[in-house]
């Protein structure tokens, strides 16, 4: 593995056997380079790659089913998807099981090539995998200070979808938010999609929205805030958002979403002009499916 400092670097270990087996643990020794140590405790993590069965490739007629060329795998098939936090996993015979491993390279880590071992312990025995990480002099900035903007379209209202017993804005809900924030930092996600209206409808003010954004700021992974797609709310909400974000000192870090993948360029331009008329200095931007030339100055 080759790494900079102040980042997580990942790789895969892949296991397979003619008999079924269970992976019982995946552990790492400390890695050493001369007299320096890259400690595994707190800096090493493993996940089992789990698969999702799909009976079709992405899209539909006119999209990927028709135009996709030389895909890695044609559906119907299993596709690698989620990274499991389970401590063990059962693996059927003649089945390939990837293990996603990652190391955190701290900002102050001494440069050098570090060597150690990852041990995959199964009910068929323990297997040692040699690890080498080349730590370079480069130190990445915190994601919030990065020149590169990285977006991850996850919204707070969707957190309860896989956890139906989780109450929105409860202490366990906020604990889940904090886990998501940590993953965002590890993956260098720094454009935050907080649903303003979702939080406003809970408290009739910006209090909980600010709480949400502040968690990303405190974690060093906040560069920009993006609204949800506002649609018909675009004009009425823009002045209120402008006033609040100026007061918070976030206005230069805010981008307004008004129409997602708009099919009508003229409608987008019209709505953008209406928003700018009531919220001067606002930055507007959305994913698009049309030639960008027609949007002109309606989008930043």
Protein backbone atom coordinates (compact mmCIF):
# COMPACT_ATOMS: atom_id res chain seq x y z
CA UNK A 1 0.00 0.00 0.00
CA UNK A 2 1.13 3.57 -0.71
CA UNK A 3 -0.16 6.36 1.53
CA UNK A 4 0.06 10.02 2.39
CA UNK A 5 -0.26 11.27 5.94
CA UNK A 6 -3.63 12.34 7.36
CA UNK A 7 -5.60 9.76 5.37
CA UNK A 8 -7.06 6.27 5.48
CA UNK A 9 -5.66 3.85 2.90
CA UNK A 10 -7.56 0.68 1.99
CA UNK A 11 -6.94 -2.65 0.28
CA UNK A 12 -8.58 -6.05 0.02
CA UNK A 13 -7.70 -9.54 1.18
CA UNK A 14 -9.60 -12.21 -0.73
CA UNK A 15 -10.17 -15.71 0.65
CA UNK A 16 -11.64 -18.84 -0.91
CA UNK A 17 -11.67 -22.57 -0.17
CA UNK A 18 -13.09 -25.80 -1.55
CA UNK A 19 -14.81 -26.34 1.80
CA UNK A 20 -17.16 -24.01 3.65
CA UNK A 21 -15.57 -22.13 6.52
CA UNK A 22 -16.07 -19.26 8.96
CA UNK A 23 -13.80 -16.24 9.31
CA UNK A 24 -13.59 -15.72 13.06
CA UNK A 25 -11.38 -12.63 13.23
CA UNK A 26 -9.10 -10.34 11.24
CA UNK A 27 -6.34 -8.66 13.23
CA UNK A 28 -3.22 -6.64 12.52
CA UNK A 29 0.12 -6.42 14.25
CA UNK A 30 1.76 -3.06 14.74
CA UNK A 31 3.67 -2.08 11.61
CA UNK A 32 7.29 -1.01 11.98
CA UNK A 33 9.83 0.90 9.92
CA UNK A 34 13.24 1.02 11.54
CA UNK A 35 12.61 2.44 14.98
CA UNK A 36 9.19 3.85 14.10
CA UNK A 37 5.80 2.20 14.68
CA UNK A 38 2.42 2.50 13.00
CA UNK A 39 0.17 1.25 15.76
CA UNK A 40 -2.70 -1.03 14.74
CA UNK A 41 -4.83 -0.08 17.74
CA UNK A 42 -7.23 2.63 16.62
CA UNK A 43 -5.62 2.81 13.18
CA UNK A 44 -6.72 -0.51 11.68
CA UNK A 45 -10.20 -1.54 10.60
CA UNK A 46 -11.69 -4.46 8.72
CA UNK A 47 -15.05 -5.08 7.06
CA UNK A 48 -16.41 -8.06 5.20
CA UNK A 49 -17.67 -7.19 1.73
CA UNK A 50 -21.25 -8.38 1.39
CA UNK A 51 -23.10 -8.88 -1.88
CA UNK A 52 -26.37 -7.63 -3.32
CA UNK A 53 -28.26 -9.71 -5.88
CA UNK A 54 -29.55 -7.73 -8.84
CA UNK A 55 -31.59 -9.24 -11.63
CA UNK A 56 -30.66 -6.42 -14.02
CA UNK A 57 -27.86 -3.98 -14.65
CA UNK A 58 -28.42 -0.32 -13.79
CA UNK A 59 -30.80 1.79 -15.82
CA UNK A 60 -33.41 0.71 -18.34
CA UNK A 61 -34.11 0.86 -22.04
CA UNK A 62 -31.96 3.58 -23.51
CA UNK A 63 -29.70 3.56 -20.46
CA UNK A 64 -27.23 1.04 -19.12
CA UNK A 65 -29.10 -2.13 -20.15
CA UNK A 66 -28.65 -1.08 -23.76
CA UNK A 67 -25.58 1.16 -23.85
CA UNK A 68 -23.32 -0.40 -21.21
CA UNK A 69 -20.23 -1.78 -22.90
CA UNK A 70 -18.09 -4.54 -21.44
CA UNK A 71 -19.44 -4.43 -17.87
CA UNK A 72 -17.49 -6.19 -15.14
CA UNK A 73 -20.46 -8.49 -14.62
CA UNK A 74 -23.77 -8.98 -16.38
CA UNK A 75 -26.91 -9.35 -14.29
CA UNK A 76 -28.57 -11.40 -12.96
CA UNK A 77 -25.70 -11.79 -10.52
CA UNK A 78 -24.35 -10.93 -7.09
CA UNK A 79 -22.58 -7.56 -6.90
CA UNK A 80 -20.26 -6.38 -4.07
CA UNK A 81 -22.13 -3.77 -2.07
CA UNK A 82 -22.10 -3.06 1.67
CA UNK A 83 -19.18 -3.32 4.08
CA UNK A 84 -20.26 -5.38 7.08
CA UNK A 85 -19.27 -4.58 10.65
CA UNK A 86 -20.01 -8.14 11.80
CA UNK A 87 -17.13 -9.74 13.73
CA UNK A 88 -17.42 -13.06 11.83
CA UNK A 89 -18.75 -14.31 8.53
CA UNK A 90 -19.62 -17.75 7.15
CA UNK A 91 -18.27 -18.44 3.67
CA UNK A 92 -19.75 -21.19 1.47
CA UNK A 93 -17.47 -23.60 -0.38
CA UNK A 94 -15.94 -22.36 -3.64
CA UNK A 95 -17.05 -18.79 -2.89
CA UNK A 96 -14.77 -15.77 -2.93
CA UNK A 97 -14.99 -13.58 0.18
CA UNK A 98 -13.26 -10.16 0.12
CA UNK A 99 -12.12 -8.53 3.34
CA UNK A 100 -11.83 -4.75 3.16
CA UNK A 101 -8.93 -3.60 5.36
CA UNK A 102 -7.86 -0.02 6.01
CA UNK A 103 -5.19 1.81 7.96
CA UNK A 104 -5.23 5.36 9.24
CA UNK A 105 -2.00 7.26 8.65
CA UNK A 106 -1.76 10.01 11.23
CA UNK A 107 -0.56 13.52 10.39
CA UNK A 108 2.63 13.09 12.43
CA UNK A 109 3.51 9.60 11.18
CA UNK A 110 7.20 9.37 10.26
CA UNK A 111 7.88 8.66 6.60
CA UNK A 112 9.15 5.21 5.70
CA UNK A 113 7.99 1.77 4.59
CA UNK A 114 6.21 -0.05 7.41
CA UNK A 115 5.87 -3.83 7.55
CA UNK A 116 3.63 -6.09 9.56
CA UNK A 117 1.08 -8.85 9.33
CA UNK A 118 -2.68 -9.22 9.09
CA UNK A 119 -3.92 -12.54 10.48
CA UNK A 120 -7.13 -14.02 9.11
CA UNK A 121 -8.31 -16.59 11.65
CA UNK A 122 -10.82 -19.20 10.49
CA UNK A 123 -12.15 -22.49 11.80
CA UNK A 124 -9.81 -24.14 9.26
CA UNK A 125 -6.75 -22.36 10.65
CA UNK A 126 -5.04 -18.99 10.85
CA UNK A 127 -3.45 -17.42 7.79
CA UNK A 128 -0.84 -14.66 7.89
CA UNK A 129 -0.90 -11.96 5.19
CA UNK A 130 2.17 -9.72 4.96
CA UNK A 131 1.47 -5.98 4.83
CA UNK A 132 3.71 -3.18 3.63
CA UNK A 133 2.71 0.51 3.73
CA UNK A 134 4.88 3.17 2.14
CA UNK A 135 4.19 6.39 4.09
CA UNK A 136 5.24 9.44 2.11
CA UNK A 137 6.18 12.95 3.14
CA UNK A 138 2.97 14.37 1.67
CA UNK A 139 0.37 15.38 4.27
CA UNK A 140 -3.18 15.76 3.02
CA UNK A 141 -5.20 18.68 4.38
CA UNK A 142 -8.27 17.96 6.43
CA UNK A 143 -11.21 17.40 4.06
CA UNK A 144 -12.74 20.71 5.11
CA UNK A 145 -9.61 22.52 3.94
CA UNK A 146 -9.21 20.57 0.70
CA UNK A 147 -9.29 22.27 -2.69
CA UNK A 148 -11.25 19.26 -3.97
CA UNK A 149 -14.99 19.16 -3.26
CA UNK A 150 -16.37 15.68 -2.68
CA UNK A 151 -20.12 15.16 -2.41
CA UNK A 152 -22.08 12.31 -0.87
CA UNK A 153 -25.84 12.47 -1.33
CA UNK A 154 -26.98 11.22 2.06
CA UNK A 155 -29.77 13.07 3.79
CA UNK A 156 -30.69 13.12 7.49
CA UNK A 157 -34.26 12.06 6.78
CA UNK A 158 -33.01 8.78 5.33
CA UNK A 159 -31.10 7.66 8.43
CA UNK A 160 -34.14 5.95 9.95
CA UNK A 161 -34.95 3.97 6.77
CA UNK A 162 -32.79 0.92 7.68
CA UNK A 163 -33.53 1.48 11.40
CA UNK A 164 -37.33 1.86 11.71
CA UNK A 165 -37.14 1.91 15.50
CA UNK A 166 -34.83 4.92 15.51
CA UNK A 167 -36.58 8.17 16.49
CA UNK A 168 -35.49 11.24 14.55
CA UNK A 169 -33.47 13.74 16.60
CA UNK A 170 -33.27 11.33 19.55
CA UNK A 171 -29.93 10.71 21.28
CA UNK A 172 -29.43 7.39 19.40
CA UNK A 173 -30.25 9.18 16.13
CA UNK A 174 -27.60 11.83 16.78
CA UNK A 175 -25.16 9.05 17.71
CA UNK A 176 -25.80 7.56 14.28
CA UNK A 177 -25.17 10.98 12.73
CA UNK A 178 -21.82 11.12 14.50
CA UNK A 179 -20.88 7.74 12.99
CA UNK A 180 -21.81 9.01 9.55
CA UNK A 181 -19.74 12.14 10.13
CA UNK A 182 -16.72 10.00 11.00
CA UNK A 183 -17.16 7.89 7.85
CA UNK A 184 -17.49 11.11 5.84
CA UNK A 185 -14.17 12.33 7.18
CA UNK A 186 -12.47 9.02 6.44
CA UNK A 187 -13.81 9.13 2.87
CA UNK A 188 -13.00 12.85 2.55
CA UNK A 189 -16.63 13.90 2.01
CA UNK A 190 -16.75 17.67 2.53
CA UNK A 191 -19.91 18.95 0.80
CA UNK A 192 -22.72 18.31 3.26
CA UNK A 193 -26.31 17.78 2.17
CA UNK A 194 -28.39 18.75 5.19
CA UNK A 195 -32.12 18.98 4.54
CA UNK A 196 -33.02 22.43 5.82
CA UNK A 197 -36.81 21.98 5.64
CA UNK A 198 -36.56 18.58 7.36
CA UNK A 199 -34.99 20.18 10.42
CA UNK A 200 -37.14 23.33 10.27
CA UNK A 201 -40.33 21.26 10.36
CA UNK A 202 -39.13 19.70 13.63
CA UNK A 203 -38.42 22.92 15.56
CA UNK A 204 -39.59 25.90 13.42
CA UNK A 205 -36.07 27.28 13.35
CA UNK A 206 -32.51 26.48 12.26
CA UNK A 207 -31.36 25.11 15.65
CA UNK A 208 -31.14 21.42 14.78
CA UNK A 209 -29.91 22.10 11.24
CA UNK A 210 -27.05 24.13 12.72
CA UNK A 211 -26.37 21.28 15.15
CA UNK A 212 -26.13 18.89 12.19
CA UNK A 213 -23.72 21.07 10.22
CA UNK A 214 -21.62 21.88 13.31
CA UNK A 215 -20.80 18.19 13.76
CA UNK A 216 -19.12 18.16 10.34
CA UNK A 217 -17.30 21.41 11.13
CA UNK A 218 -16.00 19.99 14.41
CA UNK A 219 -14.77 16.87 12.59
CA UNK A 220 -12.79 18.97 10.08
CA UNK A 221 -14.79 17.70 7.11
CA UNK A 222 -16.95 20.71 6.24
CA UNK A 223 -16.16 22.72 3.12
CA UNK A 224 -19.60 23.49 1.74
CA UNK A 225 -23.25 23.06 2.69
CA UNK A 226 -25.75 22.19 -0.02
CA UNK A 227 -29.50 22.43 0.39
CA UNK A 228 -31.88 19.72 -0.62
CA UNK A 229 -33.54 20.24 -4.01
CA UNK A 230 -35.95 23.05 -3.15
CA UNK A 231 -38.28 22.91 -6.20
CA UNK A 232 -41.38 25.03 -5.52
CA UNK A 233 -39.87 26.25 -2.23
CA UNK A 234 -36.87 27.78 -3.99
CA UNK A 235 -38.00 31.42 -4.06
CA UNK A 236 -39.76 31.58 -0.69
CA UNK A 237 -36.92 29.96 1.26
CA UNK A 238 -33.96 31.73 -0.35
CA UNK A 239 -34.17 35.04 1.62
CA UNK A 240 -34.62 33.25 4.96
CA UNK A 241 -31.64 30.99 4.26
CA UNK A 242 -29.52 33.92 3.11
CA UNK A 243 -30.17 35.87 6.33
CA UNK A 244 -29.34 32.90 8.54
CA UNK A 245 -26.24 31.77 6.68
CA UNK A 246 -24.79 35.27 6.64
CA UNK A 247 -25.32 35.46 10.40
CA UNK A 248 -23.58 32.09 10.86
CA UNK A 249 -20.66 33.06 8.62
CA UNK A 250 -21.43 30.20 6.23
CA UNK A 251 -22.83 32.15 3.29
CA UNK A 252 -19.71 31.82 1.14
CA UNK A 253 -19.80 28.05 1.78
CA UNK A 254 -23.42 27.51 0.72
CA UNK A 255 -24.80 26.18 -2.56
CA UNK A 256 -28.51 26.18 -3.38
CA UNK A 257 -30.18 23.27 -5.18
CA UNK A 258 -33.33 24.30 -7.03
CA UNK A 259 -34.18 21.62 -9.65
CA UNK A 260 -32.56 18.20 -9.90
CA UNK A 261 -31.57 17.10 -13.42
CA UNK A 262 -33.97 19.63 -15.00
CA UNK A 263 -35.41 18.50 -18.33
CA UNK A 264 -36.32 22.09 -19.26
CA UNK A 265 -33.40 24.50 -19.41
CA UNK A 266 -35.62 27.55 -19.79
CA UNK A 267 -37.62 26.66 -16.66
CA UNK A 268 -34.37 26.32 -14.72
CA UNK A 269 -33.08 29.69 -15.93
CA UNK A 270 -36.37 31.36 -14.99
CA UNK A 271 -36.39 29.88 -11.49
CA UNK A 272 -32.74 30.74 -10.95
CA UNK A 273 -33.35 34.37 -11.90
CA UNK A 274 -36.30 34.54 -9.49
CA UNK A 275 -34.12 33.20 -6.67
CA UNK A 276 -31.29 35.64 -7.40
CA UNK A 277 -33.76 38.51 -7.34
CA UNK A 278 -34.64 37.81 -3.69
CA UNK A 279 -31.26 36.47 -2.44
CA UNK A 280 -28.35 38.39 -3.90
CA UNK A 281 -25.00 36.63 -3.93
CA UNK A 282 -26.51 33.15 -3.69
CA UNK A 283 -24.62 30.29 -5.36
CA UNK A 284 -26.83 27.94 -7.36
CA UNK A 285 -25.94 24.53 -8.77
CA UNK A 286 -27.59 21.21 -9.61
CA UNK A 287 -26.80 17.96 -11.37
CA UNK A 288 -27.80 18.31 -15.01
CA UNK A 289 -28.48 16.10 -18.00
CA UNK A 290 -28.39 18.80 -20.69
CA UNK A 291 -25.63 20.63 -22.49
CA UNK A 292 -24.52 23.24 -19.93
CA UNK A 293 -24.21 26.01 -22.51
CA UNK A 294 -27.89 26.97 -22.29
CA UNK A 295 -27.79 27.62 -18.56
CA UNK A 296 -25.44 30.59 -18.89
CA UNK A 297 -25.07 32.54 -15.65
CA UNK A 298 -28.15 30.93 -14.07
CA UNK A 299 -25.90 28.31 -12.49
CA UNK A 300 -22.62 28.70 -10.58
